[in-house]
Amino acid sequence: KLLKRWVGLRLTGQSRLLHDRLPPPPARLLWLSPSSNSIGDSIMELAGRALLASYKVDLLADNQYVALYRNDRYLRAVYSNPEAIDPSRYDFALQDFLNSRSLRLKRRVCPGLPFATLQGFFWGPDYNRMLFSCYRIHHLLGYPHSAQELQPFLRPRLFLEDEPSPLPRERGRRRVALAVGGKFPARTYARWPDVLRSLSAAWPTEEVFPEFVLVGSQNGLADGQAVQTALANRTTRSFVAALTLRATARLVSDCDFFVGADGGLMHCAVAADLPGVAL
């Protein structure tokens, strides 16, 4: 595959446009990132955009993730439709990695733009995508920051302040976001009712039991109902399959703590600086 992709890069003429440094700011950058496999991957892979604050950056992303980056502090515009992009408005392009699909997209959207990639020919699940994004952008910038200066950038970010809160905070009661359900059975935890019954039974009588806010998509409806039954004498609110992704992320950010399996909503919680426990 590596040989095939390199030959494709040469034959299409894109190899002469491939660079290993970004132009100086305030260049206009088009970030092509439609290939993330999940919400969490997208949040991690775009973490490096915080290092590009002195540039004018637009993003092309998968339609289901576009809402997460609306009114982002580091992005001017976010597109889901490649046809809406005018390549003459940009000086340079960034794309995730070099494979047949990404090269087709590059040639379709902005064939003449010089570009750089984050991952080159490398792709795989076993690396920290958030750190990779930040360190690679730092490399493309020519390493302008010391290790200490770089440290504050090494985190994912979501900006949700403009999204109306589906459930405004209440004074005097802590709120826990519980993500139920899951896309993949191997990454779905089905025993939350048992956990919460045990938690409820062991909770100190002098302490106020937290309100549990249930979040998730359609695949979590049955699990959410089981949790509410298990906590019949405790306050729970279910927003499972009831909100958009952005509204759900805002709801999670308004909680005090997150509990759930590894997944997209866990990454939303991390990007909102919410403490928690993840399986």
C-alpha atoms as a PDB file:
ATOM      1  CA  LYS A   1       0.000   0.000   0.000  1.00  0.00           C
ATOM      2  CA  LEU A   2       2.813   2.393   0.821  1.00  0.00           C
ATOM      3  CA  LEU A   3       4.339   1.957  -2.646  1.00  0.00           C
ATOM      4  CA  LYS A   4       0.948   2.362  -4.309  1.00  0.00           C
ATOM      5  CA  ARG A   5       0.247   5.586  -2.412  1.00  0.00           C
ATOM      6  CA  TRP A   6       3.684   7.044  -3.127  1.00  0.00           C
ATOM      7  CA  VAL A   7       3.347   6.243  -6.837  1.00  0.00           C
ATOM      8  CA  GLY A   8      -0.116   7.816  -6.811  1.00  0.00           C
ATOM      9  CA  LEU A   9       1.295  10.926  -5.177  1.00  0.00           C
ATOM     10  CA  ARG A  10       3.952  11.208  -7.899  1.00  0.00           C
ATOM     11  CA  LEU A  11       1.705  10.419 -10.856  1.00  0.00           C
ATOM     12  CA  THR A  12      -0.927  12.982  -9.845  1.00  0.00           C
ATOM     13  CA  GLY A  13       1.706  15.708  -9.541  1.00  0.00           C
ATOM     14  CA  GLN A  14       0.858  16.300  -5.879  1.00  0.00           C
ATOM     15  CA  SER A  15       4.314  15.295  -4.642  1.00  0.00           C
ATOM     16  CA  ARG A  16       5.779  18.585  -5.888  1.00  0.00           C
ATOM     17  CA  LEU A  17       3.182  20.463  -3.791  1.00  0.00           C
ATOM     18  CA  LEU A  18       3.910  18.530  -0.585  1.00  0.00           C
ATOM     19  CA  HIS A  19       5.803  20.534   2.056  1.00  0.00           C
ATOM     20  CA  ASP A  20       7.076  19.959   5.578  1.00  0.00           C
ATOM     21  CA  ARG A  21       6.651  23.528   6.828  1.00  0.00           C
ATOM     22  CA  LEU A  22       3.691  25.892   6.955  1.00  0.00           C
ATOM     23  CA  PRO A  23       3.928  29.303   5.309  1.00  0.00           C
ATOM     24  CA  PRO A  24       4.348  32.236   7.705  1.00  0.00           C
ATOM     25  CA  PRO A  25       1.212  33.744   9.278  1.00  0.00           C
ATOM     26  CA  PRO A  26      -1.277  35.162   8.573  1.00  0.00           C
ATOM     27  CA  ALA A  27      -1.553  32.676   5.698  1.00  0.00           C
ATOM     28  CA  ARG A  28      -5.011  31.323   4.869  1.00  0.00           C
ATOM     29  CA  LEU A  29      -5.150  27.599   5.648  1.00  0.00           C
ATOM     30  CA  LEU A  30      -7.710  25.016   4.569  1.00  0.00           C
ATOM     31  CA  TRP A  31      -7.711  22.004   6.915  1.00  0.00           C
ATOM     32  CA  LEU A  32      -9.154  18.914   5.196  1.00  0.00           C
ATOM     33  CA  SER A  33     -10.303  16.579   7.966  1.00  0.00           C
ATOM     34  CA  PRO A  34     -13.258  14.532   6.732  1.00  0.00           C
ATOM     35  CA  SER A  35     -11.799  11.128   7.547  1.00  0.00           C
ATOM     36  CA  SER A  36     -11.974  10.844  11.354  1.00  0.00           C
ATOM     37  CA  ASN A  37     -13.512   7.545  12.403  1.00  0.00           C
ATOM     38  CA  SER A  38     -15.270   8.849  15.498  1.00  0.00           C
ATOM     39  CA  ILE A  39     -16.177  11.915  17.529  1.00  0.00           C
ATOM     40  CA  GLY A  40     -13.231  11.295  19.828  1.00  0.00           C
ATOM     41  CA  ASP A  41     -10.763  10.935  16.968  1.00  0.00           C
ATOM     42  CA  SER A  42     -11.970  14.202  15.479  1.00  0.00           C
ATOM     43  CA  ILE A  43     -11.616  16.082  18.786  1.00  0.00           C
ATOM     44  CA  MET A  44      -8.107  14.710  19.340  1.00  0.00           C
ATOM     45  CA  GLU A  45      -6.871  15.155  15.774  1.00  0.00           C
ATOM     46  CA  LEU A  46      -7.953  18.808  15.710  1.00  0.00           C
ATOM     47  CA  ALA A  47      -6.327  19.660  19.053  1.00  0.00           C
ATOM     48  CA  GLY A  48      -3.346  21.176  17.233  1.00  0.00           C
ATOM     49  CA  ARG A  49      -5.480  23.977  15.783  1.00  0.00           C
ATOM     50  CA  ALA A  50      -4.833  25.978  18.958  1.00  0.00           C
ATOM     51  CA  LEU A  51      -1.245  26.437  17.741  1.00  0.00           C
ATOM     52  CA  LEU A  52      -2.552  28.122  14.582  1.00  0.00           C
ATOM     53  CA  ALA A  53      -4.167  31.154  16.237  1.00  0.00           C
ATOM     54  CA  SER A  54      -2.067  33.555  14.123  1.00  0.00           C
ATOM     55  CA  TYR A  55      -3.390  31.953  10.894  1.00  0.00           C
ATOM     56  CA  LYS A  56      -6.748  32.177   9.161  1.00  0.00           C
ATOM     57  CA  VAL A  57      -7.989  28.587   9.289  1.00  0.00           C
ATOM     58  CA  ASP A  58     -11.096  27.024   7.722  1.00  0.00           C
ATOM     59  CA  LEU A  59     -12.076  23.399   8.241  1.00  0.00           C
ATOM     60  CA  LEU A  60     -13.693  20.714   6.099  1.00  0.00           C
ATOM     61  CA  ALA A  61     -15.069  18.001   8.402  1.00  0.00           C
ATOM     62  CA  ASP A  62     -17.548  15.155   8.376  1.00  0.00           C
ATOM     63  CA  ASN A  63     -21.108  16.455   8.553  1.00  0.00           C
ATOM     64  CA  GLN A  64     -21.878  14.750  11.881  1.00  0.00           C
ATOM     65  CA  TYR A  65     -19.007  16.578  13.614  1.00  0.00           C
ATOM     66  CA  VAL A  66     -19.377  20.028  12.057  1.00  0.00           C
ATOM     67  CA  ALA A  67     -21.649  21.337  14.810  1.00  0.00           C
ATOM     68  CA  LEU A  68     -18.974  20.668  17.438  1.00  0.00           C
ATOM     69  CA  TYR A  69     -16.745  23.316  15.867  1.00  0.00           C
ATOM     70  CA  ARG A  70     -19.323  26.034  15.298  1.00  0.00           C
ATOM     71  CA  ASN A  71     -18.103  29.398  16.627  1.00  0.00           C
ATOM     72  CA  ASP A  72     -14.721  27.860  17.384  1.00  0.00           C
ATOM     73  CA  ARG A  73     -12.072  30.331  18.573  1.00  0.00           C
ATOM     74  CA  TYR A  74      -9.465  29.001  16.147  1.00  0.00           C
ATOM     75  CA  LEU A  75     -11.586  28.425  13.025  1.00  0.00           C
ATOM     76  CA  ARG A  76     -13.149  31.025  10.754  1.00  0.00           C
ATOM     77  CA  ALA A  77     -15.557  28.696   8.950  1.00  0.00           C
ATOM     78  CA  VAL A  78     -16.437  25.012   9.045  1.00  0.00           C
ATOM     79  CA  TYR A  79     -17.672  23.147   5.961  1.00  0.00           C
ATOM     80  CA  SER A  80     -19.135  19.709   5.404  1.00  0.00           C
ATOM     81  CA  ASN A  81     -19.690  20.096   1.648  1.00  0.00           C
ATOM     82  CA  PRO A  82     -16.498  20.167  -0.470  1.00  0.00           C
ATOM     83  CA  GLU A  83     -18.397  21.896  -3.275  1.00  0.00           C
ATOM     84  CA  ALA A  84     -18.878  24.975  -1.066  1.00  0.00           C
ATOM     85  CA  ILE A  85     -15.127  25.615  -0.866  1.00  0.00           C
ATOM     86  CA  ASP A  86     -13.435  28.183  -3.117  1.00  0.00           C
ATOM     87  CA  PRO A  87      -9.732  27.194  -3.305  1.00  0.00           C
ATOM     88  CA  SER A  88      -8.702  30.682  -4.448  1.00  0.00           C
ATOM     89  CA  ARG A  89      -9.380  31.914  -0.907  1.00  0.00           C
ATOM     90  CA  TYR A  90      -6.489  29.870   0.522  1.00  0.00           C
ATOM     91  CA  ASP A  91      -2.703  29.854   0.447  1.00  0.00           C
ATOM     92  CA  PHE A  92      -2.080  26.374   1.830  1.00  0.00           C
ATOM     93  CA  ALA A  93      -3.859  23.149   2.758  1.00  0.00           C
ATOM     94  CA  LEU A  94      -3.524  20.689   5.626  1.00  0.00           C
ATOM     95  CA  GLN A  95      -4.815  17.133   5.434  1.00  0.00           C
ATOM     96  CA  ASP A  96      -4.898  14.178   7.774  1.00  0.00           C
ATOM     97  CA  PHE A  97      -2.809  11.586   5.934  1.00  0.00           C
ATOM     98  CA  LEU A  98      -1.833  10.295   2.524  1.00  0.00           C
ATOM     99  CA  ASN A  99      -4.088   7.600   1.141  1.00  0.00           C
ATOM    100  CA  SER A 100      -6.118   7.227  -2.038  1.00  0.00           C
ATOM    101  CA  ARG A 101      -9.242   8.785  -0.581  1.00  0.00           C
ATOM    102  CA  SER A 102      -7.512  11.843   0.877  1.00  0.00           C
ATOM    103  CA  LEU A 103      -5.566  12.437  -2.344  1.00  0.00           C
ATOM    104  CA  ARG A 104      -8.784  12.268  -4.374  1.00  0.00           C
ATOM    105  CA  LEU A 105     -10.320  14.844  -2.064  1.00  0.00           C
ATOM    106  CA  LYS A 106      -7.275  17.106  -2.288  1.00  0.00           C
ATOM    107  CA  ARG A 107      -7.327  16.970  -6.096  1.00  0.00           C
ATOM    108  CA  ARG A 108     -11.070  17.604  -6.113  1.00  0.00           C
ATOM    109  CA  VAL A 109     -11.143  20.537  -3.686  1.00  0.00           C
ATOM    110  CA  CYS A 110      -7.822  22.326  -4.122  1.00  0.00           C
ATOM    111  CA  PRO A 111      -5.602  20.579  -6.698  1.00  0.00           C
ATOM    112  CA  GLY A 112      -3.123  23.439  -7.067  1.00  0.00           C
ATOM    113  CA  LEU A 113      -2.594  24.344  -3.416  1.00  0.00           C
ATOM    114  CA  PRO A 114       0.664  23.480  -1.674  1.00  0.00           C
ATOM    115  CA  PHE A 115      -0.048  21.283   1.322  1.00  0.00           C
ATOM    116  CA  ALA A 116       1.262  19.351   4.306  1.00  0.00           C
ATOM    117  CA  THR A 117      -0.085  16.310   6.087  1.00  0.00           C
ATOM    118  CA  LEU A 118      -0.347  15.516   9.774  1.00  0.00           C
ATOM    119  CA  GLN A 119       0.332  11.804   9.591  1.00  0.00           C
ATOM    120  CA  GLY A 120       1.875  11.279   6.172  1.00  0.00           C
ATOM    121  CA  PHE A 121       1.556   7.604   5.222  1.00  0.00           C
ATOM    122  CA  PHE A 122       1.238   6.555   8.851  1.00  0.00           C
ATOM    123  CA  TRP A 123      -2.117   5.473  10.251  1.00  0.00           C
ATOM    124  CA  GLY A 124      -3.069   3.186  13.113  1.00  0.00           C
ATOM    125  CA  PRO A 125      -4.955   3.046  16.408  1.00  0.00           C
ATOM    126  CA  ASP A 126      -2.052   2.736  18.833  1.00  0.00           C
ATOM    127  CA  TYR A 127      -0.885   6.276  19.422  1.00  0.00           C
ATOM    128  CA  ASN A 128      -2.067   9.390  21.239  1.00  0.00           C
ATOM    129  CA  ARG A 129      -3.861  11.310  18.494  1.00  0.00           C
ATOM    130  CA  MET A 130      -4.126  14.493  20.543  1.00  0.00           C
ATOM    131  CA  LEU A 131      -0.397  14.697  21.292  1.00  0.00           C
ATOM    132  CA  PHE A 132       0.432  13.656  17.733  1.00  0.00           C
ATOM    133  CA  SER A 133      -1.681  16.527  16.361  1.00  0.00           C
ATOM    134  CA  CYS A 134      -0.078  19.138  18.611  1.00  0.00           C
ATOM    135  CA  TYR A 135       3.509  17.949  18.132  1.00  0.00           C
ATOM    136  CA  ARG A 136       3.093  17.646  14.373  1.00  0.00           C
ATOM    137  CA  ILE A 137       1.672  21.167  14.052  1.00  0.00           C
ATOM    138  CA  HIS A 138       4.546  22.388  16.219  1.00  0.00           C
ATOM    139  CA  HIS A 139       6.948  20.647  13.819  1.00  0.00           C
ATOM    140  CA  LEU A 140       5.252  22.199  10.776  1.00  0.00           C
ATOM    141  CA  LEU A 141       5.680  25.608  12.423  1.00  0.00           C
ATOM    142  CA  GLY A 142       9.423  25.016  12.849  1.00  0.00           C
ATOM    143  CA  TYR A 143       9.401  24.405  16.636  1.00  0.00           C
ATOM    144  CA  PRO A 144       8.799  27.996  17.785  1.00  0.00           C
ATOM    145  CA  HIS A 145       7.962  27.092  21.420  1.00  0.00           C
ATOM    146  CA  SER A 146       9.997  25.670  24.268  1.00  0.00           C
ATOM    147  CA  ALA A 147       8.696  22.556  25.999  1.00  0.00           C
ATOM    148  CA  GLN A 148       7.296  24.717  28.799  1.00  0.00           C
ATOM    149  CA  GLU A 149       5.606  27.117  26.370  1.00  0.00           C
ATOM    150  CA  LEU A 150       4.108  24.221  24.440  1.00  0.00           C
ATOM    151  CA  GLN A 151       2.564  22.553  27.499  1.00  0.00           C
ATOM    152  CA  PRO A 152      -0.658  24.656  27.649  1.00  0.00           C
ATOM    153  CA  PHE A 153      -1.471  23.682  24.048  1.00  0.00           C
ATOM    154  CA  LEU A 154      -1.387  19.940  24.742  1.00  0.00           C
ATOM    155  CA  ARG A 155      -5.089  19.430  25.354  1.00  0.00           C
ATOM    156  CA  PRO A 156      -8.282  19.007  23.338  1.00  0.00           C
ATOM    157  CA  ARG A 157     -10.745  21.882  23.175  1.00  0.00           C
ATOM    158  CA  LEU A 158     -14.419  22.484  22.473  1.00  0.00           C
ATOM    159  CA  PHE A 159     -16.105  25.875  22.680  1.00  0.00           C
ATOM    160  CA  LEU A 160     -19.761  25.449  23.610  1.00  0.00           C
ATOM    161  CA  GLU A 161     -20.572  28.695  25.407  1.00  0.00           C
ATOM    162  CA  ASP A 162     -22.985  29.893  22.723  1.00  0.00           C
ATOM    163  CA  GLU A 163     -25.068  26.698  22.930  1.00  0.00           C
ATOM    164  CA  PRO A 164     -28.109  27.145  25.228  1.00  0.00           C
ATOM    165  CA  SER A 165     -27.924  24.790  28.179  1.00  0.00           C
ATOM    166  CA  PRO A 166     -30.604  22.055  28.021  1.00  0.00           C
ATOM    167  CA  LEU A 167     -30.594  21.845  31.834  1.00  0.00           C
ATOM    168  CA  PRO A 168     -29.333  24.925  33.709  1.00  0.00           C
ATOM    169  CA  ARG A 169     -27.362  24.276  36.886  1.00  0.00           C
ATOM    170  CA  GLU A 170     -29.081  24.064  40.260  1.00  0.00           C
ATOM    171  CA  ARG A 171     -27.467  25.371  43.420  1.00  0.00           C
ATOM    172  CA  GLY A 172     -26.479  22.986  46.152  1.00  0.00           C
ATOM    173  CA  ARG A 173     -26.611  19.745  44.188  1.00  0.00           C
ATOM    174  CA  ARG A 174     -23.861  18.072  42.247  1.00  0.00           C
ATOM    175  CA  ARG A 175     -24.634  16.663  38.845  1.00  0.00           C
ATOM    176  CA  VAL A 176     -23.074  13.603  37.218  1.00  0.00           C
ATOM    177  CA  ALA A 177     -23.234  12.957  33.472  1.00  0.00           C
ATOM    178  CA  LEU A 178     -23.616   9.233  32.817  1.00  0.00           C
ATOM    179  CA  ALA A 179     -23.052   8.097  29.223  1.00  0.00           C
ATOM    180  CA  VAL A 180     -25.062   4.950  28.448  1.00  0.00           C
ATOM    181  CA  GLY A 181     -25.186   2.692  25.409  1.00  0.00           C
ATOM    182  CA  GLY A 182     -22.468   2.457  22.811  1.00  0.00           C
ATOM    183  CA  LYS A 183     -21.791   1.942  19.133  1.00  0.00           C
ATOM    184  CA  PHE A 184     -19.707  -1.222  19.604  1.00  0.00           C
ATOM    185  CA  PRO A 185     -20.688  -4.060  21.969  1.00  0.00           C
ATOM    186  CA  ALA A 186     -17.075  -4.593  23.063  1.00  0.00           C
ATOM    187  CA  ARG A 187     -16.948  -0.966  24.239  1.00  0.00           C
ATOM    188  CA  THR A 188     -20.403  -0.849  25.829  1.00  0.00           C
ATOM    189  CA  TYR A 189     -20.865  -1.358  29.564  1.00  0.00           C
ATOM    190  CA  ALA A 190     -24.221  -2.951  30.457  1.00  0.00           C
ATOM    191  CA  ARG A 191     -24.052  -3.092  34.256  1.00  0.00           C
ATOM    192  CA  TRP A 192     -24.614   0.542  35.173  1.00  0.00           C
ATOM    193  CA  PRO A 193     -27.851  -0.348  37.046  1.00  0.00           C
ATOM    194  CA  ASP A 194     -25.887  -2.669  39.371  1.00  0.00           C
ATOM    195  CA  VAL A 195     -23.186  -0.047  39.911  1.00  0.00           C
ATOM    196  CA  LEU A 196     -25.669   2.689  40.725  1.00  0.00           C
ATOM    197  CA  ARG A 197     -27.755   0.530  43.051  1.00  0.00           C
ATOM    198  CA  SER A 198     -24.560  -0.226  44.985  1.00  0.00           C
ATOM    199  CA  LEU A 199     -23.573   3.433  44.949  1.00  0.00           C
ATOM    200  CA  SER A 200     -26.986   4.514  46.202  1.00  0.00           C
ATOM    201  CA  ALA A 201     -26.958   1.943  49.016  1.00  0.00           C
ATOM    202  CA  ALA A 202     -23.473   2.960  50.166  1.00  0.00           C
ATOM    203  CA  TRP A 203     -23.944   6.734  49.892  1.00  0.00           C
ATOM    204  CA  PRO A 204     -23.439   8.549  53.230  1.00  0.00           C
ATOM    205  CA  THR A 205     -26.777   9.669  54.662  1.00  0.00           C
ATOM    206  CA  GLU A 206     -25.377  13.079  55.613  1.00  0.00           C
ATOM    207  CA  GLU A 207     -24.354  13.802  52.003  1.00  0.00           C
ATOM    208  CA  VAL A 208     -26.709  14.872  49.210  1.00  0.00           C
ATOM    209  CA  PHE A 209     -26.858  12.189  46.526  1.00  0.00           C
ATOM    210  CA  PRO A 210     -25.931  13.695  43.128  1.00  0.00           C
ATOM    211  CA  GLU A 211     -28.366  14.108  40.296  1.00  0.00           C
ATOM    212  CA  PHE A 212     -27.563  11.713  37.439  1.00  0.00           C
ATOM    213  CA  VAL A 213     -28.039  13.074  33.923  1.00  0.00           C
ATOM    214  CA  LEU A 214     -28.198  10.294  31.357  1.00  0.00           C
ATOM    215  CA  VAL A 215     -26.771  11.010  27.908  1.00  0.00           C
ATOM    216  CA  GLY A 216     -26.238   8.932  24.805  1.00  0.00           C
ATOM    217  CA  SER A 217     -27.711   8.153  21.421  1.00  0.00           C
ATOM    218  CA  GLN A 218     -30.467   5.815  20.253  1.00  0.00           C
ATOM    219  CA  ASN A 219     -28.473   2.730  21.206  1.00  0.00           C
ATOM    220  CA  GLY A 220     -28.594   3.785  24.874  1.00  0.00           C
ATOM    221  CA  LEU A 221     -32.360   4.002  25.334  1.00  0.00           C
ATOM    222  CA  ALA A 222     -32.799   0.589  26.969  1.00  0.00           C
ATOM    223  CA  ASP A 223     -29.749   1.112  29.210  1.00  0.00           C
ATOM    224  CA  GLY A 224     -31.021   4.533  30.242  1.00  0.00           C
ATOM    225  CA  GLN A 225     -34.394   3.131  31.235  1.00  0.00           C
ATOM    226  CA  ALA A 226     -32.714   0.404  33.293  1.00  0.00           C
ATOM    227  CA  VAL A 227     -30.618   3.001  35.136  1.00  0.00           C
ATOM    228  CA  GLN A 228     -33.687   5.098  35.945  1.00  0.00           C
ATOM    229  CA  THR A 229     -35.449   2.010  37.302  1.00  0.00           C
ATOM    230  CA  ALA A 230     -32.417   1.171  39.444  1.00  0.00           C
ATOM    231  CA  LEU A 231     -32.390   4.708  40.895  1.00  0.00           C
ATOM    232  CA  ALA A 232     -36.143   4.950  41.362  1.00  0.00           C
ATOM    233  CA  ASN A 233     -35.814   6.818  44.655  1.00  0.00           C
ATOM    234  CA  ARG A 234     -33.098   9.141  43.394  1.00  0.00           C
ATOM    235  CA  THR A 235     -33.195  12.071  40.994  1.00  0.00           C
ATOM    236  CA  THR A 236     -32.316  11.196  37.405  1.00  0.00           C
ATOM    237  CA  ARG A 237     -32.911  13.037  34.142  1.00  0.00           C
ATOM    238  CA  SER A 238     -32.673  11.267  30.806  1.00  0.00           C
ATOM    239  CA  PHE A 239     -31.622  13.082  27.643  1.00  0.00           C
ATOM    240  CA  VAL A 240     -30.740   9.888  25.790  1.00  0.00           C
ATOM    241  CA  ALA A 241     -31.476  10.246  22.053  1.00  0.00           C
ATOM    242  CA  ALA A 242     -33.170  13.580  22.784  1.00  0.00           C
ATOM    243  CA  LEU A 243     -30.509  16.158  21.844  1.00  0.00           C
ATOM    244  CA  THR A 244     -28.145  17.063  19.041  1.00  0.00           C
ATOM    245  CA  LEU A 245     -24.482  16.179  19.493  1.00  0.00           C
ATOM    246  CA  ARG A 246     -23.581  19.796  20.272  1.00  0.00           C
ATOM    247  CA  ALA A 247     -26.420  20.182  22.784  1.00  0.00           C
ATOM    248  CA  THR A 248     -25.402  16.913  24.443  1.00  0.00           C
ATOM    249  CA  ALA A 249     -21.794  18.109  24.684  1.00  0.00           C
ATOM    250  CA  ARG A 250     -23.023  21.355  26.263  1.00  0.00           C
ATOM    251  CA  LEU A 251     -25.118  19.395  28.769  1.00  0.00           C
ATOM    252  CA  VAL A 252     -22.100  17.273  29.699  1.00  0.00           C
ATOM    253  CA  SER A 253     -19.980  20.411  30.137  1.00  0.00           C
ATOM    254  CA  ASP A 254     -22.572  21.793  32.587  1.00  0.00           C
ATOM    255  CA  CYS A 255     -22.168  18.785  34.899  1.00  0.00           C
ATOM    256  CA  ASP A 256     -19.701  18.416  37.749  1.00  0.00           C
ATOM    257  CA  PHE A 257     -18.457  14.935  36.902  1.00  0.00           C
ATOM    258  CA  PHE A 258     -18.511  12.420  34.045  1.00  0.00           C
ATOM    259  CA  VAL A 259     -18.913   8.640  34.182  1.00  0.00           C
ATOM    260  CA  GLY A 260     -19.004   6.420  31.120  1.00  0.00           C
ATOM    261  CA  ALA A 261     -17.187   4.096  28.787  1.00  0.00           C
ATOM    262  CA  ASP A 262     -14.483   5.231  26.386  1.00  0.00           C
ATOM    263  CA  GLY A 263     -16.304   7.003  23.580  1.00  0.00           C
ATOM    264  CA  GLY A 264     -17.238  10.280  21.942  1.00  0.00           C
ATOM    265  CA  LEU A 265     -18.987  11.791  24.961  1.00  0.00           C
ATOM    266  CA  MET A 266     -15.999  10.976  27.156  1.00  0.00           C
ATOM    267  CA  HIS A 267     -13.846  12.998  24.754  1.00  0.00           C
ATOM    268  CA  CYS A 268     -16.387  15.840  24.859  1.00  0.00           C
ATOM    269  CA  ALA A 269     -16.098  15.818  28.661  1.00  0.00           C
ATOM    270  CA  VAL A 270     -12.292  15.930  28.498  1.00  0.00           C
ATOM    271  CA  ALA A 271     -12.426  18.789  25.973  1.00  0.00           C
ATOM    272  CA  ALA A 272     -14.704  20.676  28.387  1.00  0.00           C
ATOM    273  CA  ASP A 273     -12.234  20.148  31.307  1.00  0.00           C
ATOM    274  CA  LEU A 274     -14.740  17.986  33.163  1.00  0.00           C
ATOM    275  CA  PRO A 275     -13.274  15.525  35.688  1.00  0.00           C
ATOM    276  CA  GLY A 276     -14.540  11.968  35.608  1.00  0.00           C
ATOM    277  CA  VAL A 277     -14.036   8.236  35.431  1.00  0.00           C
ATOM    278  CA  ALA A 278     -13.970   6.369  32.118  1.00  0.00           C
ATOM    279  CA  LEU A 279     -13.921   2.650  31.386  1.00  0.00           C
END
